[in-house]
N, C-alpha and C. Protein backbone atom coordinates (compact mmCIF):
# COMPACT_ATOMS: atom_id res chain seq x y z
N UNK A 1 28.75 2.54 4.80
CA UNK A 1 28.16 3.63 4.56
C UNK A 1 27.16 4.01 4.08
N UNK A 2 26.61 5.14 5.01
CA UNK A 2 24.73 5.12 5.26
C UNK A 2 24.38 5.66 3.83
N UNK A 3 23.47 4.56 2.88
CA UNK A 3 22.48 5.55 2.17
C UNK A 3 21.85 6.34 2.31
N UNK A 4 22.19 7.62 0.62
CA UNK A 4 20.98 8.67 1.05
C UNK A 4 19.61 8.09 0.99
N UNK A 5 18.58 9.12 0.97
CA UNK A 5 17.39 8.81 0.96
C UNK A 5 17.36 8.53 -0.26
N UNK A 6 17.21 9.31 -1.31
CA UNK A 6 17.23 8.78 -3.05
C UNK A 6 17.54 7.45 -3.32
N UNK A 7 19.19 7.21 -2.61
CA UNK A 7 19.74 5.76 -2.88
C UNK A 7 18.37 4.70 -2.18
N UNK A 8 17.72 5.20 -1.02
CA UNK A 8 17.41 4.08 -0.25
C UNK A 8 15.56 4.20 -0.86
N UNK A 9 15.60 4.80 -1.88
CA UNK A 9 13.79 5.09 -2.46
C UNK A 9 14.14 5.49 -4.16
N UNK A 10 15.69 4.61 -4.85
CA UNK A 10 15.79 4.64 -5.87
C UNK A 10 15.16 3.31 -6.39
N UNK A 11 14.05 3.84 -7.19
CA UNK A 11 13.36 2.54 -8.12
C UNK A 11 12.86 2.60 -9.39
N UNK A 12 12.68 1.26 -10.00
CA UNK A 12 12.27 1.43 -11.68
C UNK A 12 10.95 1.50 -11.65
N UNK A 13 10.15 2.03 -10.32
CA UNK A 13 8.87 2.48 -10.48
C UNK A 13 8.18 1.03 -10.17
N UNK A 14 6.80 1.05 -9.97
CA UNK A 14 5.66 0.17 -9.39
C UNK A 14 5.57 -1.05 -10.25
N UNK A 15 5.88 -1.18 -11.41
CA UNK A 15 5.11 -1.98 -12.56
C UNK A 15 6.67 -2.74 -12.47
N UNK A 16 7.77 -2.04 -12.06
CA UNK A 16 9.03 -2.79 -12.34
C UNK A 16 9.30 -3.73 -11.77
N UNK A 17 10.12 -5.14 -12.76
CA UNK A 17 10.40 -6.12 -11.79
C UNK A 17 11.83 -6.23 -11.66
N UNK A 18 12.87 -5.26 -11.59
CA UNK A 18 13.78 -5.07 -11.50
C UNK A 18 14.26 -4.24 -9.87
N UNK A 19 15.21 -3.37 -10.64
CA UNK A 19 15.75 -2.15 -9.63
C UNK A 19 14.43 -1.76 -8.56
N UNK A 20 14.43 -2.29 -7.27
CA UNK A 20 13.34 -1.75 -6.77
C UNK A 20 13.77 -1.53 -5.46
N UNK A 21 13.34 -0.21 -4.46
CA UNK A 21 14.21 0.12 -3.31
C UNK A 21 13.54 -0.65 -2.20
N UNK A 22 14.52 -0.69 -1.59
CA UNK A 22 14.77 -1.87 -0.02
C UNK A 22 13.22 -1.50 0.28
N UNK A 23 12.31 -2.62 0.43
CA UNK A 23 10.65 -2.47 1.05
C UNK A 23 9.89 -2.31 0.22
N UNK A 24 10.26 -2.19 -1.21
CA UNK A 24 9.62 -1.84 -2.34
C UNK A 24 8.30 -3.40 -2.04
N UNK A 25 8.63 -4.01 -2.00
CA UNK A 25 7.25 -5.11 -1.49
C UNK A 25 6.03 -4.85 -0.68
N UNK A 26 6.51 -4.24 0.29
CA UNK A 26 5.53 -3.94 1.16
C UNK A 26 5.53 -2.38 1.37
N UNK A 27 5.33 -2.00 0.30
CA UNK A 27 5.22 -0.35 -0.02
C UNK A 27 4.03 -0.25 -0.38
N UNK A 28 3.24 0.69 0.11
CA UNK A 28 1.72 0.54 0.13
C UNK A 28 1.13 1.74 -1.36
N UNK A 29 2.38 2.13 -1.73
CA UNK A 29 1.47 3.14 -2.67
C UNK A 29 1.98 1.77 -4.04
N UNK A 30 3.23 0.73 -3.78
CA UNK A 30 3.28 0.07 -4.92
C UNK A 30 2.19 -0.61 -5.08
N UNK A 31 1.72 -1.28 -3.65
CA UNK A 31 0.40 -2.11 -4.04
C UNK A 31 -1.00 -1.93 -4.54
N UNK A 32 -1.01 0.27 -4.16
CA UNK A 32 -2.10 0.86 -5.13
C UNK A 32 -1.93 0.86 -6.39
N UNK A 33 -1.29 1.04 -6.76
CA UNK A 33 -0.54 1.06 -8.25
C UNK A 33 -1.43 -0.45 -8.88
N UNK A 34 -0.20 -1.63 -8.44
CA UNK A 34 -0.63 -2.55 -8.88
C UNK A 34 -1.84 -3.22 -8.93
N UNK A 35 -1.75 -2.61 -7.75
CA UNK A 35 -4.31 -3.83 -7.58
C UNK A 35 -4.72 -2.67 -8.66
N UNK A 36 -4.72 -1.35 -8.81
CA UNK A 36 -5.28 -0.87 -9.77
C UNK A 36 -5.31 -1.14 -11.32
N UNK A 37 -3.91 -1.93 -11.09
CA UNK A 37 -3.58 -2.66 -12.56
C UNK A 37 -3.02 -1.38 -13.23
N UNK A 38 -2.38 -0.10 -12.79
CA UNK A 38 -1.72 1.31 -13.20
C UNK A 38 0.34 0.83 -13.63
N UNK A 39 0.18 1.25 -14.27
CA UNK A 39 2.34 1.45 -14.57
C UNK A 39 2.63 1.79 -13.69
N UNK A 40 2.08 3.24 -13.54
CA UNK A 40 2.63 4.07 -12.03
C UNK A 40 1.79 5.14 -11.83
N UNK A 41 2.29 5.53 -10.53
CA UNK A 41 1.12 6.67 -9.76
C UNK A 41 0.59 7.83 -10.84
N UNK A 42 1.58 7.90 -11.98
CA UNK A 42 1.25 9.39 -12.53
C UNK A 42 0.01 8.60 -13.02
N UNK A 43 -0.60 7.37 -13.32
CA UNK A 43 -1.13 7.43 -14.36
C UNK A 43 -2.93 7.10 -13.48
N UNK A 44 -2.73 7.31 -12.46
CA UNK A 44 -3.72 7.13 -11.35
C UNK A 44 -4.94 8.78 -11.80
N UNK A 45 -5.96 8.65 -11.31
CA UNK A 45 -6.98 9.33 -11.16
C UNK A 45 -6.87 10.62 -10.29
N UNK A 46 -6.19 9.59 -9.01
CA UNK A 46 -6.53 10.61 -7.81
C UNK A 46 -4.85 11.04 -7.50
N UNK A 47 -3.80 10.77 -8.50
CA UNK A 47 -2.60 11.49 -8.45
C UNK A 47 -2.53 13.19 -8.24
N UNK A 48 -1.67 13.79 -7.59
CA UNK A 48 -1.17 13.28 -6.47
C UNK A 48 -2.10 12.67 -5.16
N UNK A 49 -1.62 11.69 -4.12
CA UNK A 49 -2.17 11.21 -3.35
C UNK A 49 -1.75 11.56 -2.15
N UNK A 50 -2.51 11.68 -1.04
CA UNK A 50 -2.10 11.75 0.51
C UNK A 50 -0.35 10.73 0.80
N UNK A 51 -0.95 9.46 0.69
CA UNK A 51 0.37 8.39 0.44
C UNK A 51 1.36 8.83 -0.54
N UNK A 52 0.89 9.04 -1.60
CA UNK A 52 2.01 9.89 -2.67
C UNK A 52 3.02 10.74 -1.42
N UNK A 53 2.08 11.60 -1.87
CA UNK A 53 3.23 12.79 -1.43
C UNK A 53 4.44 12.69 -0.01
N UNK A 54 3.31 11.97 0.91
CA UNK A 54 4.39 11.69 1.91
C UNK A 54 5.46 11.01 2.10
N UNK A 55 5.24 9.76 0.91
CA UNK A 55 6.73 9.46 0.46
C UNK A 55 7.48 9.82 -0.25
N UNK A 56 7.07 10.98 -0.87
CA UNK A 56 8.11 11.81 -1.90
C UNK A 56 9.01 13.40 -1.26
N UNK A 57 8.24 13.08 0.37
CA UNK A 57 8.52 14.51 0.71
C UNK A 57 9.98 14.42 0.85
N UNK A 58 10.83 13.82 1.20
CA UNK A 58 12.03 13.34 1.17
C UNK A 58 12.89 13.29 -0.40
N UNK A 59 11.75 13.55 -1.34
CA UNK A 59 12.57 12.89 -2.80
C UNK A 59 11.79 13.92 -3.90
N UNK A 60 11.63 15.01 -3.94
CA UNK A 60 11.24 15.84 -4.43
C UNK A 60 11.50 15.87 -6.07
N UNK A 61 12.78 15.16 -6.60
CA UNK A 61 13.00 14.63 -8.24
C UNK A 61 11.92 13.69 -8.50
N UNK A 62 11.70 12.75 -7.78
CA UNK A 62 10.84 12.06 -8.22
C UNK A 62 9.34 12.52 -8.42
N UNK A 63 9.24 13.15 -7.75
CA UNK A 63 7.57 13.60 -7.74
C UNK A 63 7.95 14.67 -9.81
N UNK A 64 8.96 15.20 -9.50
CA UNK A 64 8.92 15.98 -10.94
C UNK A 64 9.04 14.84 -12.31
N UNK A 65 9.73 13.58 -12.11
CA UNK A 65 9.48 12.28 -12.65
C UNK A 65 8.23 12.19 -13.12
N UNK A 66 7.29 11.78 -12.00
CA UNK A 66 5.83 11.38 -11.90
C UNK A 66 4.93 12.62 -12.92
N UNK A 67 5.49 13.54 -12.65
CA UNK A 67 4.71 14.96 -13.35
C UNK A 67 5.39 15.11 -14.62
N UNK A 68 5.89 14.54 -15.07
CA UNK A 68 6.46 14.24 -16.78
C UNK A 68 5.65 13.22 -17.27
N UNK A 69 5.73 12.03 -16.26
CA UNK A 69 4.83 10.63 -16.88
C UNK A 69 3.21 11.09 -16.94
N UNK A 70 2.74 11.96 -16.45
CA UNK A 70 1.60 12.50 -16.14
C UNK A 70 1.32 13.11 -17.47
N UNK A 71 2.41 13.63 -17.63
CA UNK A 71 1.69 15.11 -18.98
C UNK A 71 1.73 14.26 -20.46
N UNK A 72 2.58 12.70 -20.19
CA UNK A 72 2.72 12.72 -21.91
C UNK A 72 2.10 11.00 -21.70
N UNK A 73 1.27 11.12 -20.71
CA UNK A 73 0.51 9.67 -20.74
C UNK A 73 -0.78 9.63 -21.56
């Protein structure tokens, strides 16, 4: 059975060491976050950046979750 976009990008976050979406180790957004020593994109001064928005265009619920994290940081 083919996975939905949400299932394919279902991830516990850039700093997670558990449930990562397929391809997470090659994810440019994750590499950026970990390279900057951040916990998530929501903690970045450049949030929301163009690469992140491109990645989230098919899954706006993930953007909503990052917005919540940013608001409580």
